[in-house]
């Protein structure tokens, strides 16, 4: 009888320690789920940025004449540089700034660059992603792509 009195409450302590370990694991899983949702949203936005960048490149290709494509590199670069502002502004108004673009506070810039004997356009799309609940809880995300125009 004396031995049983010394062990009174030990089982309760074992249960409490087990519950504590279990709760730490559950909290870890909850944090992992939150991170997974955030990464999924960011991936979706990167995919949307790639899609709207492709829209710009398609419009740009459609604006280039066959005669300009057959010209020498300097003339072709001039043709691309001349066509780019109008195509960019039309694309920006119709696609990037539309409510269906899916990128919050999106902006874009482009550069006409020389690339291995051809002309390329580098397009950078930037947007702000909410990362928390405060007014300053946003993070800037950027998608940069470059495509040659031969």
C-alpha atoms as a PDB file:
ATOM      1  CA  UNK A   1       0.000   0.000   0.000  1.00  0.00           C
ATOM      2  CA  UNK A   2       2.860   2.332   0.756  1.00  0.00           C
ATOM      3  CA  UNK A   3       4.225   2.000  -2.877  1.00  0.00           C
ATOM      4  CA  UNK A   4       0.923   2.931  -4.438  1.00  0.00           C
ATOM      5  CA  UNK A   5       0.784   6.232  -2.547  1.00  0.00           C
ATOM      6  CA  UNK A   6       4.123   7.344  -3.968  1.00  0.00           C
ATOM      7  CA  UNK A   7       2.831   6.793  -7.508  1.00  0.00           C
ATOM      8  CA  UNK A   8      -0.441   8.668  -7.088  1.00  0.00           C
ATOM      9  CA  UNK A   9      -0.757  11.306  -9.862  1.00  0.00           C
ATOM     10  CA  UNK A  10       2.088   9.972 -12.032  1.00  0.00           C
ATOM     11  CA  UNK A  11      -0.330   8.786 -14.677  1.00  0.00           C
ATOM     12  CA  UNK A  12      -1.962  12.221 -14.771  1.00  0.00           C
ATOM     13  CA  UNK A  13       1.425  13.853 -15.369  1.00  0.00           C
ATOM     14  CA  UNK A  14       2.169  11.373 -18.185  1.00  0.00           C
ATOM     15  CA  UNK A  15      -1.157  12.219 -19.856  1.00  0.00           C
ATOM     16  CA  UNK A  16      -0.492  15.963 -19.563  1.00  0.00           C
ATOM     17  CA  UNK A  17       3.002  15.606 -21.085  1.00  0.00           C
ATOM     18  CA  UNK A  18       1.546  13.513 -23.916  1.00  0.00           C
ATOM     19  CA  UNK A  19      -1.123  16.152 -24.583  1.00  0.00           C
ATOM     20  CA  UNK A  20       1.518  18.885 -24.609  1.00  0.00           C
ATOM     21  CA  UNK A  21       3.570  17.000 -27.226  1.00  0.00           C
ATOM     22  CA  UNK A  22       0.442  16.386 -29.302  1.00  0.00           C
ATOM     23  CA  UNK A  23      -0.550  20.083 -29.181  1.00  0.00           C
ATOM     24  CA  UNK A  24       2.912  21.197 -30.308  1.00  0.00           C
ATOM     25  CA  UNK A  25       2.539  18.886 -33.308  1.00  0.00           C
ATOM     26  CA  UNK A  26      -0.925  20.214 -34.118  1.00  0.00           C
ATOM     27  CA  UNK A  27       0.290  23.831 -33.942  1.00  0.00           C
ATOM     28  CA  UNK A  28       3.118  22.927 -36.322  1.00  0.00           C
ATOM     29  CA  UNK A  29       0.627  21.463 -38.791  1.00  0.00           C
ATOM     30  CA  UNK A  30      -1.548  24.581 -38.588  1.00  0.00           C
ATOM     31  CA  UNK A  31       1.472  26.776 -39.364  1.00  0.00           C
ATOM     32  CA  UNK A  32       2.434  24.507 -42.254  1.00  0.00           C
ATOM     33  CA  UNK A  33      -1.087  24.749 -43.693  1.00  0.00           C
ATOM     34  CA  UNK A  34      -0.962  28.558 -43.583  1.00  0.00           C
ATOM     35  CA  UNK A  35       2.402  28.601 -45.358  1.00  0.00           C
ATOM     36  CA  UNK A  36       1.071  26.183 -47.981  1.00  0.00           C
ATOM     37  CA  UNK A  37      -1.909  28.430 -48.758  1.00  0.00           C
ATOM     38  CA  UNK A  38       0.375  31.474 -49.100  1.00  0.00           C
ATOM     39  CA  UNK A  39       2.709  29.633 -51.460  1.00  0.00           C
ATOM     40  CA  UNK A  40      -0.243  28.441 -53.524  1.00  0.00           C
ATOM     41  CA  UNK A  41      -1.547  32.001 -53.923  1.00  0.00           C
ATOM     42  CA  UNK A  42       1.914  33.259 -54.914  1.00  0.00           C
ATOM     43  CA  UNK A  43       2.263  30.476 -57.471  1.00  0.00           C
ATOM     44  CA  UNK A  44      -1.116  31.343 -58.939  1.00  0.00           C
ATOM     45  CA  UNK A  45      -0.091  34.995 -59.263  1.00  0.00           C
ATOM     46  CA  UNK A  46       3.213  34.080 -60.945  1.00  0.00           C
ATOM     47  CA  UNK A  47       1.264  31.952 -63.427  1.00  0.00           C
ATOM     48  CA  UNK A  48      -1.091  34.859 -64.066  1.00  0.00           C
ATOM     49  CA  UNK A  49       1.898  37.173 -64.642  1.00  0.00           C
ATOM     50  CA  UNK A  50       3.343  34.695 -67.167  1.00  0.00           C
ATOM     51  CA  UNK A  51      -0.014  34.524 -68.933  1.00  0.00           C
ATOM     52  CA  UNK A  52      -0.396  38.294 -69.268  1.00  0.00           C
ATOM     53  CA  UNK A  53       3.261  38.627 -70.345  1.00  0.00           C
ATOM     54  CA  UNK A  54       2.545  36.157 -73.137  1.00  0.00           C
ATOM     55  CA  UNK A  55      -0.406  38.338 -74.135  1.00  0.00           C
ATOM     56  CA  UNK A  56       1.961  41.305 -74.510  1.00  0.00           C
ATOM     57  CA  UNK A  57       4.408  39.304 -76.622  1.00  0.00           C
ATOM     58  CA  UNK A  58       1.578  38.052 -78.856  1.00  0.00           C
ATOM     59  CA  UNK A  59       0.368  41.600 -79.424  1.00  0.00           C
ATOM     60  CA  UNK A  60       3.917  42.721 -80.131  1.00  0.00           C
ATOM     61  CA  UNK A  61       4.469  39.984 -82.708  1.00  0.00           C
ATOM     62  CA  UNK A  62       1.174  40.819 -84.376  1.00  0.00           C
ATOM     63  CA  UNK A  63       2.212  44.454 -84.755  1.00  0.00           C
ATOM     64  CA  UNK A  64       5.458  43.687 -86.619  1.00  0.00           C
ATOM     65  CA  UNK A  65       5.187  43.732 -90.408  1.00  0.00           C
ATOM     66  CA  UNK A  66       6.720  41.112 -92.664  1.00  0.00           C
ATOM     67  CA  UNK A  67       8.859  43.829 -94.294  1.00  0.00           C
ATOM     68  CA  UNK A  68      10.296  44.817 -90.913  1.00  0.00           C
ATOM     69  CA  UNK A  69      11.148  41.194 -90.133  1.00  0.00           C
ATOM     70  CA  UNK A  70      13.226  40.900 -93.317  1.00  0.00           C
ATOM     71  CA  UNK A  71      15.255  44.056 -92.632  1.00  0.00           C
ATOM     72  CA  UNK A  72      18.767  44.199 -91.244  1.00  0.00           C
ATOM     73  CA  UNK A  73      19.226  44.099 -87.472  1.00  0.00           C
ATOM     74  CA  UNK A  74      19.554  47.867 -86.937  1.00  0.00           C
ATOM     75  CA  UNK A  75      16.404  48.591 -88.974  1.00  0.00           C
ATOM     76  CA  UNK A  76      14.524  45.802 -87.251  1.00  0.00           C
ATOM     77  CA  UNK A  77      15.572  47.059 -83.806  1.00  0.00           C
ATOM     78  CA  UNK A  78      14.279  50.503 -84.796  1.00  0.00           C
ATOM     79  CA  UNK A  79      10.974  48.953 -85.941  1.00  0.00           C
ATOM     80  CA  UNK A  80      10.580  47.031 -82.682  1.00  0.00           C
ATOM     81  CA  UNK A  81      11.499  50.110 -80.638  1.00  0.00           C
ATOM     82  CA  UNK A  82       8.981  52.216 -82.573  1.00  0.00           C
ATOM     83  CA  UNK A  83       6.134  49.711 -82.249  1.00  0.00           C
ATOM     84  CA  UNK A  84       6.712  48.804 -78.599  1.00  0.00           C
ATOM     85  CA  UNK A  85       5.325  51.955 -76.876  1.00  0.00           C
ATOM     86  CA  UNK A  86       1.930  51.836 -78.605  1.00  0.00           C
ATOM     87  CA  UNK A  87       1.581  48.077 -78.149  1.00  0.00           C
ATOM     88  CA  UNK A  88       2.714  48.341 -74.506  1.00  0.00           C
ATOM     89  CA  UNK A  89       0.253  51.131 -73.665  1.00  0.00           C
ATOM     90  CA  UNK A  90      -2.652  49.339 -75.346  1.00  0.00           C
ATOM     91  CA  UNK A  91      -1.763  46.066 -73.605  1.00  0.00           C
ATOM     92  CA  UNK A  92      -1.330  47.826 -70.265  1.00  0.00           C
ATOM     93  CA  UNK A  93      -4.754  49.466 -70.453  1.00  0.00           C
ATOM     94  CA  UNK A  94      -6.571  46.401 -71.798  1.00  0.00           C
ATOM     95  CA  UNK A  95      -4.910  43.607 -69.853  1.00  0.00           C
ATOM     96  CA  UNK A  96      -2.675  44.670 -66.967  1.00  0.00           C
ATOM     97  CA  UNK A  97      -4.932  47.359 -65.517  1.00  0.00           C
ATOM     98  CA  UNK A  98      -8.172  45.458 -66.044  1.00  0.00           C
ATOM     99  CA  UNK A  99     -10.000  44.065 -63.047  1.00  0.00           C
ATOM    100  CA  UNK A 100      -9.629  40.542 -64.439  1.00  0.00           C
ATOM    101  CA  UNK A 101      -5.796  40.588 -64.524  1.00  0.00           C
ATOM    102  CA  UNK A 102      -5.683  39.108 -61.040  1.00  0.00           C
ATOM    103  CA  UNK A 103      -2.516  40.930 -59.951  1.00  0.00           C
ATOM    104  CA  UNK A 104      -3.039  43.495 -57.186  1.00  0.00           C
ATOM    105  CA  UNK A 105      -1.485  46.920 -57.836  1.00  0.00           C
ATOM    106  CA  UNK A 106       0.353  45.625 -60.898  1.00  0.00           C
ATOM    107  CA  UNK A 107       2.791  47.722 -62.901  1.00  0.00           C
ATOM    108  CA  UNK A 108       5.021  46.832 -65.817  1.00  0.00           C
ATOM    109  CA  UNK A 109       8.036  48.161 -67.691  1.00  0.00           C
ATOM    110  CA  UNK A 110       9.772  46.932 -70.833  1.00  0.00           C
ATOM    111  CA  UNK A 111      13.194  47.303 -72.459  1.00  0.00           C
ATOM    112  CA  UNK A 112      14.240  46.601 -76.038  1.00  0.00           C
ATOM    113  CA  UNK A 113      17.612  44.858 -75.821  1.00  0.00           C
ATOM    114  CA  UNK A 114      20.104  43.231 -78.189  1.00  0.00           C
ATOM    115  CA  UNK A 115      20.439  39.510 -77.632  1.00  0.00           C
ATOM    116  CA  UNK A 116      22.876  37.303 -79.561  1.00  0.00           C
ATOM    117  CA  UNK A 117      22.440  38.991 -82.910  1.00  0.00           C
ATOM    118  CA  UNK A 118      18.714  39.585 -82.582  1.00  0.00           C
ATOM    119  CA  UNK A 119      16.352  41.966 -80.837  1.00  0.00           C
ATOM    120  CA  UNK A 120      14.607  41.011 -77.599  1.00  0.00           C
ATOM    121  CA  UNK A 121      12.079  42.615 -75.306  1.00  0.00           C
ATOM    122  CA  UNK A 122      12.478  42.255 -71.550  1.00  0.00           C
ATOM    123  CA  UNK A 123       9.193  42.663 -69.681  1.00  0.00           C
ATOM    124  CA  UNK A 124       9.071  43.164 -65.920  1.00  0.00           C
ATOM    125  CA  UNK A 125       5.722  42.869 -64.143  1.00  0.00           C
ATOM    126  CA  UNK A 126       5.562  43.921 -60.495  1.00  0.00           C
ATOM    127  CA  UNK A 127       2.684  43.572 -58.046  1.00  0.00           C
ATOM    128  CA  UNK A 128       2.054  43.972 -54.312  1.00  0.00           C
ATOM    129  CA  UNK A 129       0.941  40.943 -52.340  1.00  0.00           C
ATOM    130  CA  UNK A 130      -0.703  41.234 -48.912  1.00  0.00           C
ATOM    131  CA  UNK A 131       1.326  39.335 -46.323  1.00  0.00           C
ATOM    132  CA  UNK A 132      -0.524  40.184 -43.132  1.00  0.00           C
ATOM    133  CA  UNK A 133      -3.202  42.313 -41.561  1.00  0.00           C
ATOM    134  CA  UNK A 134      -1.457  45.645 -41.003  1.00  0.00           C
ATOM    135  CA  UNK A 135      -1.441  48.559 -43.454  1.00  0.00           C
ATOM    136  CA  UNK A 136       2.248  47.954 -44.240  1.00  0.00           C
ATOM    137  CA  UNK A 137       1.879  44.178 -44.510  1.00  0.00           C
ATOM    138  CA  UNK A 138       2.547  43.867 -48.232  1.00  0.00           C
ATOM    139  CA  UNK A 139       5.429  42.433 -50.204  1.00  0.00           C
ATOM    140  CA  UNK A 140       6.537  43.320 -53.703  1.00  0.00           C
ATOM    141  CA  UNK A 141       6.690  40.435 -56.156  1.00  0.00           C
ATOM    142  CA  UNK A 142       8.342  40.595 -59.574  1.00  0.00           C
ATOM    143  CA  UNK A 143       8.123  38.498 -62.735  1.00  0.00           C
ATOM    144  CA  UNK A 144      10.799  39.144 -65.366  1.00  0.00           C
ATOM    145  CA  UNK A 145      10.789  37.564 -68.804  1.00  0.00           C
ATOM    146  CA  UNK A 146      12.741  38.195 -71.983  1.00  0.00           C
ATOM    147  CA  UNK A 147      11.764  37.065 -75.451  1.00  0.00           C
ATOM    148  CA  UNK A 148      13.690  37.437 -78.702  1.00  0.00           C
ATOM    149  CA  UNK A 149      12.032  38.846 -81.811  1.00  0.00           C
ATOM    150  CA  UNK A 150      13.826  37.385 -84.802  1.00  0.00           C
END
